[in-house]
Every structure is written in C-alpha cells, then in structure tokens.
C-alpha cells in the first residue's frame, strides 16, 4: 500500500508532531550528558519516588507506543493488530543513554523517511471533485488497524477498531503526557535547572495554543 493513498497533509503533520517529541527527548539526553557528565547514566535511570519511575522508564514506555504505528506506517501494512500492553519492560533503553539515543534516532529516521515519501498536498490539487472524493473513500478503507488495550487488571485485551493515522495521533499525545512527568523528574528529582529545558517541553499543543490567547 502506498502512502500516497493516505491524506498526505495528515501524514506529514503526524510525522512532524512525533518527530518534535523525539527531538525533545534527544535534547534532554544531551542536557543530561553536558550537566552530569559520567553520572548522566545514573541520572537517566534514577527512580523518582514521587513519580515512581525514572526518565529512562518513561522514555522506553512512550517509545514502545510510538514505534508500533510508525513501523506499520513505514511498512505499508493493512489490517494490523497493535497490542500496546504486550510489551517488553526493562531493557537497555531504560538504563543506557547511548542505547536510548540510538533508538530515538532510528525512530526519527523512520518518521522522516515516511514524511519525505508522502506526496505534497499540491500534487493532488489538479484532481477533479469526483476524483478527490474517490481518493477520500479509498483512504477510509486502508490503513485499518485494531488497537488492543487492557482496560482492567484481569489481563484481558479489548480490541478497538481504528486506523493508522488515529494511532499515530494517540502516540504523540500519549508521549507528551509522559514528557510532562519526565520534566518533573528532571527538575525535581535529578536537579536539572528548569531553564535548561524548552518552555514547551512536556506541554500539550492545545495548552501552548491556549496560553497564547491569555
């Protein structure tokens, strides 16, 4: 399945949103390394008592969720099952700054390649109204996924019909909330100066947009 069959503007926006979050992760890793030097690895995996997790754990968790739809998008698969709660916990992504950076950079590359391969909106501007309607109809039929979640502690997954665009949007919003907790850990537990992080670090786009109107 070609990415050109999907709404190119939506795909590009979703790629940009996810890459922006990945960029914030890389910025934080760089800040940890420059501030703590050899102790950066300890800071990355130090568990905050108030939050109950480390920066590394939040990074790994949100990367898990982001990678699933990204890999599906890159591969062009249809009718895919995404099992968000059947994941491998722990691992070097949670404890090793170098490994975390490698994984983030690899995922960034995937999003960038998808974004660059997605046709620009202008390429379809010459379509007739009927042709555009046909494309929209085709788009609604492809990229179908079933997202599986555990909604209780009984271990039973609940299947929810979705599409790859929706899941990429979910991945971005999900990661933002984890980045908000990462900010608390970095400044409150690790002792990283608050001014060393971007003002919009871990803040939802809707919140940033609202603040502009206040």
N, C-alpha and C. Protein backbone atom coordinates (compact mmCIF):
# COMPACT_ATOMS: atom_id res chain seq x y z
N UNK A 1 0.84 -1.19 0.00
CA UNK A 1 0.00 0.00 0.00
C UNK A 1 0.88 1.24 0.00
N UNK A 2 0.60 2.17 -0.88
CA UNK A 2 1.40 3.39 -0.99
C UNK A 2 0.91 4.44 -0.02
N UNK A 3 1.87 5.18 0.57
CA UNK A 3 1.49 6.27 1.47
C UNK A 3 0.73 7.36 0.75
N UNK A 4 0.89 7.41 -0.60
CA UNK A 4 0.21 8.45 -1.37
C UNK A 4 -1.30 8.28 -1.33
N UNK A 5 -1.76 7.06 -0.96
CA UNK A 5 -3.18 6.82 -0.88
C UNK A 5 -3.79 7.46 0.36
N UNK A 6 -2.98 7.80 1.31
CA UNK A 6 -3.48 8.43 2.52
C UNK A 6 -3.46 9.95 2.35
N UNK A 7 -4.09 10.64 3.27
CA UNK A 7 -4.05 12.09 3.26
C UNK A 7 -2.63 12.53 3.56
N UNK A 8 -1.95 13.07 2.55
CA UNK A 8 -0.55 13.41 2.71
C UNK A 8 -0.35 14.49 3.77
N UNK A 9 -1.26 15.46 3.82
CA UNK A 9 -1.10 16.53 4.80
C UNK A 9 -1.23 16.00 6.23
N UNK A 10 -2.14 15.05 6.43
CA UNK A 10 -2.30 14.46 7.76
C UNK A 10 -1.08 13.65 8.14
N UNK A 11 -0.59 12.83 7.22
CA UNK A 11 0.59 12.03 7.49
C UNK A 11 1.78 12.91 7.83
N UNK A 12 1.97 13.97 7.06
CA UNK A 12 3.10 14.86 7.32
C UNK A 12 2.97 15.55 8.66
N UNK A 13 1.76 15.96 9.02
CA UNK A 13 1.55 16.61 10.33
C UNK A 13 1.83 15.64 11.47
N UNK A 14 1.39 14.39 11.31
CA UNK A 14 1.62 13.39 12.34
C UNK A 14 3.10 13.07 12.48
N UNK A 15 3.80 13.00 11.37
CA UNK A 15 5.24 12.75 11.43
C UNK A 15 5.95 13.90 12.12
N UNK A 16 5.57 15.13 11.79
CA UNK A 16 6.20 16.30 12.42
C UNK A 16 5.94 16.32 13.93
N UNK A 17 4.71 15.99 14.33
CA UNK A 17 4.37 16.01 15.75
C UNK A 17 5.19 14.98 16.53
N UNK A 18 5.31 13.79 15.99
CA UNK A 18 6.07 12.75 16.67
C UNK A 18 7.56 13.05 16.67
N UNK A 19 8.06 13.60 15.56
CA UNK A 19 9.48 13.95 15.50
C UNK A 19 9.82 15.08 16.47
N UNK A 20 8.89 15.99 16.69
CA UNK A 20 9.13 17.08 17.64
C UNK A 20 9.32 16.53 19.05
N UNK A 21 8.53 15.52 19.41
CA UNK A 21 8.67 14.90 20.72
C UNK A 21 9.99 14.14 20.82
N UNK A 22 10.35 13.44 19.76
CA UNK A 22 11.63 12.72 19.75
C UNK A 22 12.79 13.69 19.85
N UNK A 23 12.65 14.85 19.23
CA UNK A 23 13.69 15.87 19.32
C UNK A 23 13.86 16.36 20.75
N UNK A 24 12.75 16.51 21.47
CA UNK A 24 12.82 16.91 22.88
C UNK A 24 13.54 15.85 23.71
N UNK A 25 13.30 14.59 23.39
CA UNK A 25 13.99 13.51 24.10
C UNK A 25 15.50 13.61 23.88
N UNK A 26 15.89 13.84 22.63
CA UNK A 26 17.32 13.95 22.33
C UNK A 26 17.94 15.16 23.02
N UNK A 27 17.20 16.26 23.06
CA UNK A 27 17.69 17.46 23.74
C UNK A 27 17.93 17.18 25.22
N UNK A 28 17.02 16.45 25.84
CA UNK A 28 17.18 16.13 27.27
C UNK A 28 18.39 15.24 27.50
N UNK A 29 18.59 14.25 26.63
CA UNK A 29 19.76 13.38 26.77
C UNK A 29 21.04 14.19 26.67
N UNK A 30 21.08 15.11 25.73
CA UNK A 30 22.26 15.96 25.57
C UNK A 30 22.48 16.82 26.81
N UNK A 31 21.39 17.32 27.38
CA UNK A 31 21.48 18.16 28.57
C UNK A 31 21.97 17.34 29.77
N UNK A 32 21.49 16.12 29.89
CA UNK A 32 21.95 15.25 30.98
C UNK A 32 23.45 14.98 30.87
N UNK A 33 23.90 14.72 29.65
CA UNK A 33 25.31 14.42 29.43
C UNK A 33 26.20 15.63 29.69
N UNK A 34 25.73 16.80 29.28
CA UNK A 34 26.55 18.01 29.48
C UNK A 34 26.54 18.48 30.94
N UNK A 35 25.46 18.19 31.66
CA UNK A 35 25.33 18.63 33.05
C UNK A 35 25.99 17.66 34.03
N UNK A 36 25.76 16.36 33.79
CA UNK A 36 26.22 15.36 34.76
C UNK A 36 27.42 14.55 34.29
N UNK A 37 27.82 14.73 33.03
CA UNK A 37 28.99 14.02 32.50
C UNK A 37 28.86 12.50 32.69
N UNK A 38 29.81 11.91 33.40
CA UNK A 38 29.80 10.45 33.58
C UNK A 38 28.61 9.96 34.42
N UNK A 39 28.01 10.87 35.18
CA UNK A 39 26.87 10.49 36.03
C UNK A 39 25.54 10.58 35.28
N UNK A 40 25.59 10.88 33.99
CA UNK A 40 24.36 11.02 33.21
C UNK A 40 23.57 9.72 33.19
N UNK A 41 24.28 8.60 33.10
CA UNK A 41 23.60 7.30 33.07
C UNK A 41 22.84 7.07 34.36
N UNK A 42 23.44 7.44 35.48
CA UNK A 42 22.75 7.28 36.77
C UNK A 42 21.53 8.19 36.83
N UNK A 43 21.67 9.43 36.36
CA UNK A 43 20.54 10.37 36.37
C UNK A 43 19.41 9.86 35.49
N UNK A 44 19.76 9.25 34.38
CA UNK A 44 18.76 8.76 33.43
C UNK A 44 17.94 7.61 34.01
N UNK A 45 18.57 6.78 34.81
CA UNK A 45 17.87 5.60 35.34
C UNK A 45 17.47 5.74 36.80
N UNK A 46 17.71 6.91 37.41
CA UNK A 46 17.36 7.12 38.81
C UNK A 46 15.84 7.22 38.97
N UNK A 47 15.29 6.38 39.83
CA UNK A 47 13.85 6.31 40.01
C UNK A 47 13.37 7.40 40.96
N UNK A 48 12.43 8.19 40.49
CA UNK A 48 11.88 9.27 41.31
C UNK A 48 10.80 8.69 42.23
N UNK A 49 10.93 8.83 43.55
CA UNK A 49 9.95 8.25 44.49
C UNK A 49 8.54 8.81 44.29
N UNK A 50 8.43 10.10 43.99
CA UNK A 50 7.11 10.71 43.86
C UNK A 50 6.39 10.21 42.61
N UNK A 51 7.12 10.08 41.50
CA UNK A 51 6.52 9.63 40.24
C UNK A 51 6.49 8.11 40.16
N UNK A 52 7.45 7.47 40.81
CA UNK A 52 7.51 6.01 40.79
C UNK A 52 8.19 5.44 39.58
N UNK A 53 8.97 6.24 38.88
CA UNK A 53 9.67 5.76 37.69
C UNK A 53 10.83 6.70 37.38
N UNK A 54 11.66 6.28 36.44
CA UNK A 54 12.82 7.08 36.02
C UNK A 54 12.55 7.73 34.68
N UNK A 55 13.44 8.63 34.29
CA UNK A 55 13.36 9.22 32.96
C UNK A 55 13.44 8.10 31.92
N UNK A 56 14.37 7.19 32.11
CA UNK A 56 14.56 6.10 31.17
C UNK A 56 13.32 5.24 31.01
N UNK A 57 12.62 4.98 32.10
CA UNK A 57 11.40 4.16 32.03
C UNK A 57 10.30 4.87 31.24
N UNK A 58 10.16 6.16 31.45
CA UNK A 58 9.16 6.91 30.70
C UNK A 58 9.55 7.01 29.23
N UNK A 59 10.83 7.15 28.95
CA UNK A 59 11.28 7.16 27.56
C UNK A 59 10.95 5.84 26.88
N UNK A 60 11.33 4.74 27.52
CA UNK A 60 11.11 3.42 26.92
C UNK A 60 9.63 3.17 26.67
N UNK A 61 8.80 3.49 27.67
CA UNK A 61 7.36 3.24 27.55
C UNK A 61 6.75 4.02 26.40
N UNK A 62 7.05 5.30 26.31
CA UNK A 62 6.45 6.12 25.24
C UNK A 62 7.03 5.75 23.87
N UNK A 63 8.29 5.33 23.83
CA UNK A 63 8.86 4.87 22.57
C UNK A 63 8.19 3.58 22.10
N UNK A 64 7.88 2.69 23.03
CA UNK A 64 7.17 1.46 22.68
C UNK A 64 5.87 1.78 21.93
N UNK A 65 5.12 2.72 22.49
CA UNK A 65 3.83 3.08 21.90
C UNK A 65 4.01 3.79 20.56
N UNK A 66 5.04 4.58 20.43
CA UNK A 66 5.26 5.34 19.21
C UNK A 66 5.78 4.46 18.07
N UNK A 67 6.60 3.48 18.43
CA UNK A 67 7.20 2.61 17.41
C UNK A 67 6.17 1.73 16.70
N UNK A 68 5.19 1.22 17.43
CA UNK A 68 4.23 0.30 16.83
C UNK A 68 3.54 0.87 15.58
N UNK A 69 2.85 2.01 15.68
CA UNK A 69 2.20 2.55 14.48
C UNK A 69 3.20 3.07 13.45
N UNK A 70 4.36 3.55 13.92
CA UNK A 70 5.37 4.07 12.99
C UNK A 70 5.89 2.97 12.07
N UNK A 71 6.15 1.80 12.63
CA UNK A 71 6.65 0.68 11.83
C UNK A 71 5.58 0.17 10.87
N UNK A 72 4.33 0.20 11.31
CA UNK A 72 3.24 -0.20 10.42
C UNK A 72 3.12 0.78 9.27
N UNK A 73 3.19 2.06 9.56
CA UNK A 73 3.10 3.09 8.52
C UNK A 73 4.23 2.94 7.52
N UNK A 74 5.44 2.71 8.01
CA UNK A 74 6.60 2.59 7.14
C UNK A 74 6.52 1.35 6.25
N UNK A 75 5.95 0.28 6.78
CA UNK A 75 5.88 -0.97 6.03
C UNK A 75 4.71 -1.00 5.05
N UNK A 76 3.70 -0.13 5.27
CA UNK A 76 2.55 -0.10 4.39
C UNK A 76 1.59 -1.25 4.59
N UNK A 77 1.59 -1.85 5.77
CA UNK A 77 0.71 -2.99 6.02
C UNK A 77 -0.74 -2.55 6.24
N UNK A 78 -1.66 -3.44 5.92
CA UNK A 78 -3.08 -3.21 6.18
C UNK A 78 -3.58 -4.23 7.19
N UNK A 79 -4.69 -3.89 7.84
CA UNK A 79 -5.37 -4.82 8.75
C UNK A 79 -4.40 -5.38 9.79
N UNK A 80 -3.79 -4.50 10.53
CA UNK A 80 -2.78 -4.88 11.51
C UNK A 80 -3.35 -4.80 12.92
N UNK A 81 -2.90 -5.71 13.80
CA UNK A 81 -3.26 -5.67 15.21
C UNK A 81 -2.13 -5.05 16.01
N UNK A 82 -2.45 -4.02 16.78
CA UNK A 82 -1.47 -3.36 17.64
C UNK A 82 -1.77 -3.72 19.09
N UNK A 83 -0.82 -4.39 19.74
CA UNK A 83 -1.00 -4.81 21.14
C UNK A 83 -0.12 -3.92 22.02
N UNK A 84 -0.69 -2.82 22.49
CA UNK A 84 0.09 -1.84 23.24
C UNK A 84 0.55 -2.35 24.60
N UNK A 85 -0.23 -3.23 25.20
CA UNK A 85 0.08 -3.65 26.56
C UNK A 85 0.88 -4.95 26.63
N UNK A 86 1.16 -5.56 25.49
CA UNK A 86 2.02 -6.73 25.44
C UNK A 86 3.41 -6.28 25.00
N UNK A 87 4.16 -5.73 25.91
CA UNK A 87 5.45 -5.15 25.59
C UNK A 87 6.51 -5.65 26.56
N UNK A 88 7.74 -5.54 26.14
CA UNK A 88 8.86 -5.96 26.97
C UNK A 88 9.30 -4.79 27.84
N UNK A 89 9.18 -4.97 29.13
CA UNK A 89 9.58 -3.92 30.06
C UNK A 89 11.05 -4.09 30.43
N UNK A 90 11.65 -3.01 30.84
CA UNK A 90 13.07 -3.04 31.18
C UNK A 90 13.91 -2.92 29.92
N UNK A 91 15.11 -3.46 29.96
CA UNK A 91 15.99 -3.37 28.80
C UNK A 91 16.91 -2.16 28.86
N UNK A 92 17.83 -2.12 27.93
CA UNK A 92 18.86 -1.07 27.96
C UNK A 92 18.32 0.31 27.62
N UNK A 93 17.18 0.39 26.93
CA UNK A 93 16.61 1.71 26.63
C UNK A 93 16.29 2.47 27.90
N UNK A 94 15.97 1.75 28.97
CA UNK A 94 15.63 2.39 30.24
C UNK A 94 16.86 2.82 31.04
N UNK A 95 18.00 2.22 30.76
CA UNK A 95 19.16 2.43 31.64
C UNK A 95 20.39 3.01 30.94
N UNK A 96 20.43 2.94 29.63
CA UNK A 96 21.63 3.34 28.89
C UNK A 96 21.32 4.53 28.00
N UNK A 97 21.98 5.65 28.26
CA UNK A 97 21.75 6.87 27.50
C UNK A 97 22.11 6.68 26.03
N UNK A 98 23.19 5.98 25.77
CA UNK A 98 23.64 5.75 24.39
C UNK A 98 22.61 4.92 23.63
N UNK A 99 22.12 3.86 24.25
CA UNK A 99 21.13 3.00 23.60
C UNK A 99 19.82 3.74 23.40
N UNK A 100 19.43 4.55 24.37
CA UNK A 100 18.20 5.33 24.24
C UNK A 100 18.32 6.31 23.07
N UNK A 101 19.47 6.96 22.95
CA UNK A 101 19.69 7.89 21.85
C UNK A 101 19.61 7.15 20.50
N UNK A 102 20.22 5.99 20.43
CA UNK A 102 20.21 5.22 19.19
C UNK A 102 18.79 4.88 18.77
N UNK A 103 17.99 4.44 19.73
CA UNK A 103 16.61 4.06 19.42
C UNK A 103 15.78 5.27 18.99
N UNK A 104 15.98 6.39 19.65
CA UNK A 104 15.26 7.61 19.30
C UNK A 104 15.65 8.09 17.91
N UNK A 105 16.93 8.05 17.60
CA UNK A 105 17.40 8.48 16.29
C UNK A 105 16.88 7.56 15.19
N UNK A 106 16.83 6.26 15.45
CA UNK A 106 16.30 5.32 14.46
C UNK A 106 14.83 5.59 14.18
N UNK A 107 14.08 5.87 15.23
CA UNK A 107 12.65 6.14 15.06
C UNK A 107 12.44 7.47 14.34
N UNK A 108 13.28 8.44 14.63
CA UNK A 108 13.21 9.72 13.93
C UNK A 108 13.44 9.52 12.44
N UNK A 109 14.39 8.67 12.09
CA UNK A 109 14.68 8.38 10.69
C UNK A 109 13.48 7.78 9.99
N UNK A 110 12.78 6.88 10.68
CA UNK A 110 11.58 6.26 10.10
C UNK A 110 10.53 7.33 9.79
N UNK A 111 10.26 8.21 10.75
CA UNK A 111 9.27 9.26 10.52
C UNK A 111 9.71 10.20 9.41
N UNK A 112 10.99 10.55 9.37
CA UNK A 112 11.48 11.46 8.34
C UNK A 112 11.35 10.84 6.95
N UNK A 113 11.68 9.57 6.83
CA UNK A 113 11.58 8.90 5.53
C UNK A 113 10.14 8.79 5.07
N UNK A 114 9.23 8.51 6.00
CA UNK A 114 7.81 8.45 5.66
C UNK A 114 7.32 9.82 5.23
N UNK A 115 7.72 10.85 5.96
CA UNK A 115 7.30 12.20 5.64
C UNK A 115 7.80 12.62 4.26
N UNK A 116 9.05 12.30 3.96
CA UNK A 116 9.63 12.69 2.68
C UNK A 116 9.04 11.90 1.52
N UNK A 117 8.57 10.68 1.78
CA UNK A 117 7.99 9.87 0.71
C UNK A 117 6.51 10.17 0.49
N UNK A 118 5.90 10.89 1.46
CA UNK A 118 4.50 11.24 1.33
C UNK A 118 4.37 12.39 0.34
N UNK A 119 3.50 12.28 -0.68
CA UNK A 119 3.38 13.34 -1.69
C UNK A 119 2.87 14.63 -1.08
N UNK A 120 3.33 15.74 -1.60
CA UNK A 120 2.88 17.03 -1.11
C UNK A 120 1.44 17.25 -1.50
N UNK A 121 0.68 17.99 -0.69
CA UNK A 121 -0.73 18.23 -0.99
C UNK A 121 -0.95 18.83 -2.37
N UNK A 122 0.01 19.64 -2.84
CA UNK A 122 -0.15 20.31 -4.12
C UNK A 122 -0.17 19.34 -5.28
N UNK A 123 0.40 18.14 -5.08
CA UNK A 123 0.46 17.16 -6.16
C UNK A 123 -0.91 16.63 -6.52
N UNK A 124 -1.88 16.79 -5.61
CA UNK A 124 -3.23 16.30 -5.90
C UNK A 124 -4.20 17.45 -6.14
N UNK A 125 -3.69 18.69 -6.25
CA UNK A 125 -4.56 19.85 -6.40
C UNK A 125 -5.29 19.88 -7.72
N UNK A 126 -4.78 19.16 -8.73
CA UNK A 126 -5.40 19.17 -10.04
C UNK A 126 -6.52 18.15 -10.17
N UNK A 127 -6.78 17.36 -9.09
CA UNK A 127 -7.83 16.37 -9.15
C UNK A 127 -9.19 17.05 -9.27
N UNK A 128 -10.08 16.40 -9.96
CA UNK A 128 -11.46 16.89 -10.03
C UNK A 128 -12.15 16.57 -8.72
N UNK A 129 -13.30 17.17 -8.51
CA UNK A 129 -14.04 16.92 -7.26
C UNK A 129 -14.39 15.45 -7.13
N UNK A 130 -14.80 14.83 -8.22
CA UNK A 130 -15.16 13.43 -8.17
C UNK A 130 -13.95 12.56 -7.89
N UNK A 131 -12.79 12.92 -8.46
CA UNK A 131 -11.57 12.16 -8.22
C UNK A 131 -11.15 12.27 -6.77
N UNK A 132 -11.25 13.49 -6.22
CA UNK A 132 -10.88 13.71 -4.82
C UNK A 132 -11.78 12.90 -3.90
N UNK A 133 -13.06 12.86 -4.21
CA UNK A 133 -14.00 12.11 -3.39
C UNK A 133 -13.66 10.62 -3.41
N UNK A 134 -13.23 10.15 -4.59
CA UNK A 134 -12.86 8.74 -4.71
C UNK A 134 -11.65 8.44 -3.86
N UNK A 135 -10.65 9.36 -3.87
CA UNK A 135 -9.44 9.16 -3.07
C UNK A 135 -9.79 9.12 -1.59
N UNK A 136 -10.65 10.05 -1.14
CA UNK A 136 -11.05 10.08 0.26
C UNK A 136 -11.72 8.76 0.64
N UNK A 137 -12.58 8.26 -0.27
CA UNK A 137 -13.27 6.99 0.00
C UNK A 137 -12.27 5.85 0.12
N UNK A 138 -11.23 5.86 -0.75
CA UNK A 138 -10.22 4.82 -0.70
C UNK A 138 -9.40 4.93 0.58
N UNK A 139 -9.12 6.17 0.99
CA UNK A 139 -8.33 6.38 2.20
C UNK A 139 -9.03 5.82 3.42
N UNK A 140 -10.37 5.92 3.43
CA UNK A 140 -11.13 5.43 4.57
C UNK A 140 -11.12 3.91 4.66
N UNK A 141 -10.72 3.25 3.57
CA UNK A 141 -10.73 1.81 3.54
C UNK A 141 -9.37 1.18 3.80
N UNK A 142 -8.33 2.00 3.89
CA UNK A 142 -7.00 1.46 4.05
C UNK A 142 -6.41 1.93 5.38
N UNK A 143 -5.28 1.33 5.71
CA UNK A 143 -4.63 1.71 6.95
C UNK A 143 -5.42 1.29 8.17
N UNK A 144 -6.28 0.27 8.02
CA UNK A 144 -7.11 -0.17 9.13
C UNK A 144 -6.28 -0.97 10.13
N UNK A 145 -6.43 -0.64 11.39
CA UNK A 145 -5.75 -1.38 12.44
C UNK A 145 -6.75 -1.68 13.56
N UNK A 146 -6.42 -2.66 14.35
CA UNK A 146 -7.18 -2.94 15.57
C UNK A 146 -6.24 -2.74 16.74
N UNK A 147 -6.55 -1.77 17.57
CA UNK A 147 -5.73 -1.48 18.74
C UNK A 147 -6.25 -2.26 19.94
N UNK A 148 -5.37 -3.00 20.58
CA UNK A 148 -5.76 -3.84 21.73
C UNK A 148 -5.23 -3.21 23.02
N UNK A 149 -6.12 -3.04 23.99
CA UNK A 149 -5.75 -2.46 25.28
C UNK A 149 -6.30 -3.32 26.42
N UNK A 150 -5.57 -3.35 27.51
CA UNK A 150 -6.09 -3.94 28.74
C UNK A 150 -6.77 -2.82 29.52
N UNK A 151 -8.06 -2.94 29.70
CA UNK A 151 -8.83 -1.90 30.39
C UNK A 151 -9.03 -2.20 31.87
N UNK A 152 -8.54 -3.34 32.31
CA UNK A 152 -8.57 -3.69 33.72
C UNK A 152 -7.38 -4.59 34.01
N UNK A 153 -7.22 -4.96 35.29
CA UNK A 153 -6.06 -5.77 35.68
C UNK A 153 -6.27 -7.26 35.48
N UNK A 154 -7.34 -7.63 34.79
CA UNK A 154 -7.59 -9.07 34.60
C UNK A 154 -6.77 -9.66 33.46
N UNK A 155 -6.03 -8.81 32.76
CA UNK A 155 -5.15 -9.30 31.69
C UNK A 155 -5.83 -9.51 30.36
N UNK A 156 -7.12 -9.20 30.27
CA UNK A 156 -7.86 -9.40 29.03
C UNK A 156 -7.75 -8.15 28.16
N UNK A 157 -7.36 -8.34 26.90
CA UNK A 157 -7.26 -7.23 25.96
C UNK A 157 -8.61 -6.96 25.30
N UNK A 158 -8.90 -5.68 25.10
CA UNK A 158 -10.13 -5.28 24.42
C UNK A 158 -9.76 -4.72 23.05
N UNK A 159 -10.27 -5.31 21.96
CA UNK A 159 -9.95 -4.82 20.62
C UNK A 159 -10.78 -3.60 20.25
N UNK A 160 -10.13 -2.58 19.72
CA UNK A 160 -10.81 -1.36 19.32
C UNK A 160 -10.48 -1.05 17.87
N UNK A 161 -11.46 -0.94 16.99
CA UNK A 161 -11.19 -0.62 15.59
C UNK A 161 -10.64 0.80 15.45
N UNK A 162 -9.65 0.98 14.61
CA UNK A 162 -9.01 2.29 14.46
C UNK A 162 -8.37 2.36 13.08
N UNK A 163 -7.50 3.36 12.90
CA UNK A 163 -6.71 3.44 11.68
C UNK A 163 -5.33 3.97 12.05
N UNK A 164 -4.40 3.88 11.15
CA UNK A 164 -3.01 4.18 11.48
C UNK A 164 -2.81 5.66 11.81
N UNK A 165 -3.58 6.54 11.17
CA UNK A 165 -3.46 7.96 11.49
C UNK A 165 -3.89 8.24 12.92
N UNK A 166 -5.00 7.64 13.31
CA UNK A 166 -5.50 7.83 14.68
C UNK A 166 -4.48 7.33 15.69
N UNK A 167 -3.84 6.22 15.40
CA UNK A 167 -2.89 5.65 16.34
C UNK A 167 -1.61 6.49 16.42
N UNK A 168 -1.21 7.10 15.33
CA UNK A 168 -0.05 8.00 15.36
C UNK A 168 -0.37 9.25 16.18
N UNK A 169 -1.61 9.72 16.07
CA UNK A 169 -2.03 10.85 16.90
C UNK A 169 -2.06 10.48 18.36
N UNK A 170 -2.56 9.28 18.65
CA UNK A 170 -2.56 8.79 20.03
C UNK A 170 -1.14 8.69 20.58
N UNK A 171 -0.23 8.18 19.76
CA UNK A 171 1.16 8.00 20.20
C UNK A 171 1.78 9.34 20.60
N UNK A 172 1.50 10.37 19.82
CA UNK A 172 2.05 11.70 20.11
C UNK A 172 1.47 12.26 21.40
N UNK A 173 0.15 12.19 21.55
CA UNK A 173 -0.49 12.71 22.76
C UNK A 173 -0.06 11.92 23.99
N UNK A 174 0.02 10.62 23.85
CA UNK A 174 0.46 9.76 24.94
C UNK A 174 1.87 10.14 25.39
N UNK A 175 2.76 10.36 24.41
CA UNK A 175 4.16 10.69 24.73
C UNK A 175 4.28 12.05 25.43
N UNK A 176 3.45 13.00 25.03
CA UNK A 176 3.50 14.33 25.63
C UNK A 176 3.24 14.25 27.13
N UNK A 177 2.28 13.45 27.53
CA UNK A 177 1.96 13.35 28.96
C UNK A 177 3.11 12.67 29.73
N UNK A 178 3.77 11.74 29.09
CA UNK A 178 4.94 11.14 29.73
C UNK A 178 6.09 12.13 29.81
N UNK A 179 6.20 12.99 28.82
CA UNK A 179 7.25 14.01 28.84
C UNK A 179 7.00 15.02 29.96
N UNK A 180 5.73 15.24 30.29
CA UNK A 180 5.42 16.14 31.41
C UNK A 180 5.95 15.54 32.71
N UNK A 181 5.81 14.23 32.87
CA UNK A 181 6.35 13.57 34.05
C UNK A 181 7.88 13.54 34.01
N UNK A 182 8.42 13.38 32.82
CA UNK A 182 9.89 13.43 32.68
C UNK A 182 10.42 14.79 33.13
N UNK A 183 9.70 15.83 32.80
CA UNK A 183 10.11 17.18 33.21
C UNK A 183 10.15 17.29 34.74
N UNK A 184 9.13 16.73 35.40
CA UNK A 184 9.11 16.74 36.86
C UNK A 184 10.29 15.98 37.45
N UNK A 185 10.59 14.83 36.87
CA UNK A 185 11.72 14.03 37.35
C UNK A 185 13.03 14.76 37.13
N UNK A 186 13.18 15.34 35.94
CA UNK A 186 14.44 16.00 35.58
C UNK A 186 14.72 17.21 36.46
N UNK A 187 13.69 18.00 36.74
CA UNK A 187 13.91 19.23 37.51
C UNK A 187 13.74 19.03 39.01
N UNK A 188 12.80 18.16 39.42
CA UNK A 188 12.52 17.98 40.84
C UNK A 188 13.34 16.91 41.51
N UNK A 189 13.68 15.85 40.78
CA UNK A 189 14.40 14.74 41.37
C UNK A 189 15.88 14.73 41.00
N UNK A 190 16.15 14.90 39.72
CA UNK A 190 17.54 14.87 39.24
C UNK A 190 18.28 16.16 39.56
N UNK A 191 17.54 17.27 39.56
CA UNK A 191 18.15 18.56 39.86
C UNK A 191 18.59 19.33 38.63
N UNK A 192 18.04 19.00 37.46
CA UNK A 192 18.37 19.73 36.25
C UNK A 192 17.70 21.10 36.30
N UNK A 193 18.40 22.17 35.99
CA UNK A 193 17.79 23.51 36.02
C UNK A 193 16.60 23.59 35.06
N UNK A 194 15.50 24.15 35.53
CA UNK A 194 14.29 24.24 34.71
C UNK A 194 14.53 25.01 33.44
N UNK A 195 15.39 26.03 33.50
CA UNK A 195 15.65 26.85 32.33
C UNK A 195 16.45 26.13 31.25
N UNK A 196 16.97 24.96 31.58
CA UNK A 196 17.73 24.20 30.58
C UNK A 196 16.82 23.44 29.63
N UNK A 197 15.52 23.39 29.94
CA UNK A 197 14.56 22.71 29.09
C UNK A 197 13.73 23.74 28.31
N UNK A 198 13.32 23.40 27.09
CA UNK A 198 12.46 24.31 26.32
C UNK A 198 11.18 24.60 27.07
N UNK A 199 10.62 25.77 26.86
CA UNK A 199 9.42 26.18 27.58
C UNK A 199 8.24 25.23 27.31
N UNK A 200 8.18 24.68 26.09
CA UNK A 200 7.06 23.81 25.74
C UNK A 200 7.35 22.34 25.98
N UNK A 201 8.42 22.02 26.69
CA UNK A 201 8.79 20.64 26.98
C UNK A 201 7.69 19.97 27.81
N UNK A 202 7.10 18.89 27.30
CA UNK A 202 6.08 18.17 28.03
C UNK A 202 4.75 18.88 28.15
N UNK A 203 4.51 19.84 27.28
CA UNK A 203 3.24 20.57 27.31
C UNK A 203 2.45 20.28 26.05
N UNK A 204 1.17 20.01 26.20
CA UNK A 204 0.32 19.68 25.07
C UNK A 204 0.18 20.87 24.13
N UNK A 205 0.12 20.64 22.82
CA UNK A 205 -0.05 21.74 21.87
C UNK A 205 -1.27 22.59 22.17
N UNK A 206 -2.35 21.97 22.63
CA UNK A 206 -3.56 22.73 22.94
C UNK A 206 -3.31 23.69 24.10
N UNK A 207 -2.48 23.26 25.07
CA UNK A 207 -2.16 24.14 26.21
C UNK A 207 -1.30 25.30 25.76
N UNK A 208 -0.30 25.01 24.94
CA UNK A 208 0.56 26.06 24.40
C UNK A 208 -0.26 27.06 23.59
N UNK A 209 -1.19 26.54 22.79
CA UNK A 209 -2.04 27.40 21.97
C UNK A 209 -2.94 28.26 22.85
N UNK A 210 -3.49 27.66 23.92
CA UNK A 210 -4.38 28.41 24.82
C UNK A 210 -3.62 29.53 25.52
N UNK A 211 -2.40 29.24 25.96
CA UNK A 211 -1.61 30.24 26.67
C UNK A 211 -1.34 31.47 25.80
N UNK A 212 -1.32 31.28 24.50
CA UNK A 212 -1.09 32.42 23.61
C UNK A 212 -2.26 33.39 23.61
N UNK A 213 -3.42 32.90 23.99
CA UNK A 213 -4.63 33.74 23.98
C UNK A 213 -4.90 34.40 25.32
N UNK A 214 -4.17 33.98 26.34
CA UNK A 214 -4.42 34.51 27.69
C UNK A 214 -3.65 35.81 27.90
